[in-house]
């Protein structure tokens, strides 16, 4: 289930929402700040799973300890 970034067109609050289905329209997303249903989906950068701040120079290192 994807998490999307939204901005409320009523109060300007930026928030994230776990959306069960891609077919859920923005008009059904409620702003946690003002309670209005005026959320607009924002374009956000994709998350890269498994990335970390530590780097290993050995080939094939999984990063798990």
N, C-alpha and C. Protein backbone atom coordinates (compact mmCIF):
# COMPACT_ATOMS: atom_id res chain seq x y z
N UNK A 1 0.85 -1.18 0.00
CA UNK A 1 0.00 0.00 0.00
C UNK A 1 0.89 1.24 0.00
N UNK A 2 0.71 2.08 -0.97
CA UNK A 2 1.59 3.25 -1.07
C UNK A 2 1.21 4.38 -0.12
N UNK A 3 2.21 5.15 0.24
CA UNK A 3 2.03 6.36 1.03
C UNK A 3 2.22 7.53 0.08
N UNK A 4 1.26 8.42 0.04
CA UNK A 4 1.33 9.59 -0.85
C UNK A 4 1.46 10.86 -0.04
N UNK A 5 2.11 11.86 -0.63
CA UNK A 5 2.22 13.19 -0.05
C UNK A 5 1.05 14.02 -0.56
N UNK A 6 0.44 14.77 0.35
CA UNK A 6 -0.69 15.64 0.00
C UNK A 6 -0.47 17.03 0.57
N UNK A 7 -1.14 17.99 -0.05
CA UNK A 7 -1.19 19.36 0.48
C UNK A 7 -2.66 19.76 0.51
N UNK A 8 -3.09 20.30 1.65
CA UNK A 8 -4.47 20.75 1.77
C UNK A 8 -4.60 22.10 1.08
N UNK A 9 -5.56 22.20 0.17
CA UNK A 9 -5.79 23.45 -0.55
C UNK A 9 -6.53 24.47 0.33
N UNK A 10 -7.06 24.04 1.46
CA UNK A 10 -7.75 24.95 2.37
C UNK A 10 -6.77 25.64 3.33
N UNK A 11 -5.92 24.84 4.03
CA UNK A 11 -5.04 25.42 5.05
C UNK A 11 -3.55 25.35 4.70
N UNK A 12 -3.19 24.60 3.64
CA UNK A 12 -1.79 24.52 3.22
C UNK A 12 -0.97 23.46 3.93
N UNK A 13 -1.58 22.68 4.81
CA UNK A 13 -0.87 21.64 5.56
C UNK A 13 -0.34 20.57 4.60
N UNK A 14 0.94 20.20 4.77
CA UNK A 14 1.55 19.09 4.02
C UNK A 14 1.47 17.86 4.91
N UNK A 15 1.02 16.74 4.35
CA UNK A 15 0.90 15.52 5.13
C UNK A 15 1.01 14.30 4.24
N UNK A 16 1.24 13.15 4.87
CA UNK A 16 1.32 11.87 4.18
C UNK A 16 0.08 11.06 4.51
N UNK A 17 -0.34 10.24 3.57
CA UNK A 17 -1.52 9.41 3.77
C UNK A 17 -1.29 8.03 3.17
N UNK A 18 -1.57 6.99 3.94
CA UNK A 18 -1.52 5.63 3.44
C UNK A 18 -2.81 5.39 2.70
N UNK A 19 -2.72 5.09 1.41
CA UNK A 19 -3.91 4.93 0.57
C UNK A 19 -4.03 3.46 0.18
N UNK A 20 -5.19 2.88 0.48
CA UNK A 20 -5.43 1.47 0.23
C UNK A 20 -5.41 1.15 -1.27
N UNK A 21 -5.96 2.03 -2.08
CA UNK A 21 -6.06 1.78 -3.52
C UNK A 21 -5.70 3.05 -4.28
N UNK A 22 -5.07 2.87 -5.45
CA UNK A 22 -4.70 4.01 -6.28
C UNK A 22 -5.95 4.72 -6.80
N UNK A 23 -7.07 4.01 -6.82
CA UNK A 23 -8.30 4.59 -7.37
C UNK A 23 -9.04 5.50 -6.39
N UNK A 24 -8.51 5.67 -5.17
CA UNK A 24 -9.14 6.57 -4.20
C UNK A 24 -8.91 8.01 -4.67
N UNK A 25 -9.99 8.76 -4.92
CA UNK A 25 -9.83 10.14 -5.39
C UNK A 25 -9.36 11.07 -4.28
N UNK A 26 -8.66 12.13 -4.68
CA UNK A 26 -8.17 13.11 -3.71
C UNK A 26 -9.30 13.69 -2.86
N UNK A 27 -10.50 13.75 -3.42
CA UNK A 27 -11.64 14.33 -2.70
C UNK A 27 -12.08 13.50 -1.49
N UNK A 28 -11.53 12.28 -1.34
CA UNK A 28 -11.85 11.45 -0.19
C UNK A 28 -10.76 11.47 0.87
N UNK A 29 -9.72 12.28 0.67
CA UNK A 29 -8.62 12.39 1.62
C UNK A 29 -8.87 13.60 2.52
N UNK A 30 -8.94 13.33 3.83
CA UNK A 30 -9.25 14.38 4.81
C UNK A 30 -7.96 14.97 5.39
N UNK A 31 -7.90 16.28 5.45
CA UNK A 31 -6.75 16.98 6.03
C UNK A 31 -6.74 16.77 7.55
N UNK A 32 -5.61 16.34 8.11
CA UNK A 32 -5.54 16.13 9.56
C UNK A 32 -5.52 17.44 10.36
N UNK A 33 -5.24 18.54 9.70
CA UNK A 33 -5.16 19.84 10.37
C UNK A 33 -6.52 20.52 10.47
N UNK A 34 -7.20 20.71 9.34
CA UNK A 34 -8.45 21.47 9.34
C UNK A 34 -9.69 20.61 9.14
N UNK A 35 -9.49 19.34 8.75
CA UNK A 35 -10.62 18.43 8.58
C UNK A 35 -11.34 18.54 7.25
N UNK A 36 -10.87 19.40 6.36
CA UNK A 36 -11.51 19.57 5.06
C UNK A 36 -11.07 18.46 4.10
N UNK A 37 -11.89 18.19 3.12
CA UNK A 37 -11.58 17.22 2.08
C UNK A 37 -11.12 17.96 0.83
N UNK A 38 -10.02 18.70 0.98
CA UNK A 38 -9.47 19.49 -0.13
C UNK A 38 -8.00 19.17 -0.34
N UNK A 39 -7.65 17.89 -0.21
CA UNK A 39 -6.26 17.47 -0.37
C UNK A 39 -5.92 17.34 -1.85
N UNK A 40 -4.70 17.70 -2.16
CA UNK A 40 -4.19 17.59 -3.53
C UNK A 40 -2.90 16.78 -3.47
N UNK A 41 -2.83 15.70 -4.26
CA UNK A 41 -1.66 14.83 -4.27
C UNK A 41 -0.46 15.61 -4.81
N UNK A 42 0.66 15.49 -4.12
CA UNK A 42 1.90 16.15 -4.53
C UNK A 42 2.81 15.13 -5.20
N UNK A 43 3.63 15.60 -6.10
CA UNK A 43 4.65 14.76 -6.72
C UNK A 43 5.80 14.67 -5.73
N UNK A 44 6.23 13.45 -5.45
CA UNK A 44 7.33 13.27 -4.50
C UNK A 44 8.36 12.32 -5.08
N UNK A 45 9.57 12.40 -4.54
CA UNK A 45 10.66 11.53 -4.98
C UNK A 45 10.41 10.12 -4.48
N UNK A 46 10.74 9.11 -5.26
CA UNK A 46 10.54 7.73 -4.81
C UNK A 46 11.50 7.37 -3.69
N UNK A 47 11.06 6.48 -2.84
CA UNK A 47 11.89 5.97 -1.76
C UNK A 47 12.66 4.76 -2.28
N UNK A 48 13.93 4.69 -1.95
CA UNK A 48 14.75 3.57 -2.37
C UNK A 48 14.90 2.62 -1.18
N UNK A 49 14.30 1.44 -1.26
CA UNK A 49 14.35 0.47 -0.17
C UNK A 49 15.76 -0.06 0.01
N UNK A 50 16.15 -0.22 1.25
CA UNK A 50 17.44 -0.81 1.55
C UNK A 50 18.61 0.14 1.52
N UNK A 51 18.37 1.42 1.24
CA UNK A 51 19.49 2.36 1.23
C UNK A 51 19.86 2.71 2.65
N UNK A 52 21.12 3.00 2.85
CA UNK A 52 21.60 3.39 4.18
C UNK A 52 22.74 4.38 4.03
N UNK A 53 23.11 4.98 5.14
CA UNK A 53 24.18 5.96 5.10
C UNK A 53 25.55 5.30 5.15
N UNK A 54 25.62 4.02 5.54
CA UNK A 54 26.91 3.34 5.58
C UNK A 54 27.16 2.66 4.24
N UNK A 55 28.38 2.72 3.80
CA UNK A 55 28.75 2.13 2.51
C UNK A 55 29.83 1.09 2.74
N UNK A 56 29.77 0.03 1.98
CA UNK A 56 30.78 -1.03 2.08
C UNK A 56 31.48 -1.14 0.73
N UNK A 57 32.79 -1.32 0.77
CA UNK A 57 33.53 -1.42 -0.47
C UNK A 57 33.60 -2.86 -0.99
N UNK A 58 33.14 -3.82 -0.19
CA UNK A 58 33.21 -5.21 -0.65
C UNK A 58 32.03 -5.54 -1.53
N UNK A 59 32.33 -6.22 -2.60
CA UNK A 59 31.32 -6.58 -3.59
C UNK A 59 30.34 -7.59 -2.99
N UNK A 60 29.06 -7.37 -3.19
CA UNK A 60 28.05 -8.29 -2.73
C UNK A 60 27.67 -8.14 -1.27
N UNK A 61 28.19 -7.13 -0.59
CA UNK A 61 27.85 -6.94 0.82
C UNK A 61 26.38 -6.55 0.94
N UNK A 62 25.68 -7.21 1.83
CA UNK A 62 24.25 -6.97 1.97
C UNK A 62 23.95 -5.83 2.91
N UNK A 63 24.86 -5.47 3.78
CA UNK A 63 24.61 -4.41 4.73
C UNK A 63 23.96 -4.88 6.01
N UNK A 64 23.65 -6.19 6.09
CA UNK A 64 23.05 -6.75 7.30
C UNK A 64 24.13 -7.25 8.23
N UNK A 65 23.92 -7.09 9.53
CA UNK A 65 24.90 -7.58 10.50
C UNK A 65 24.28 -8.56 11.44
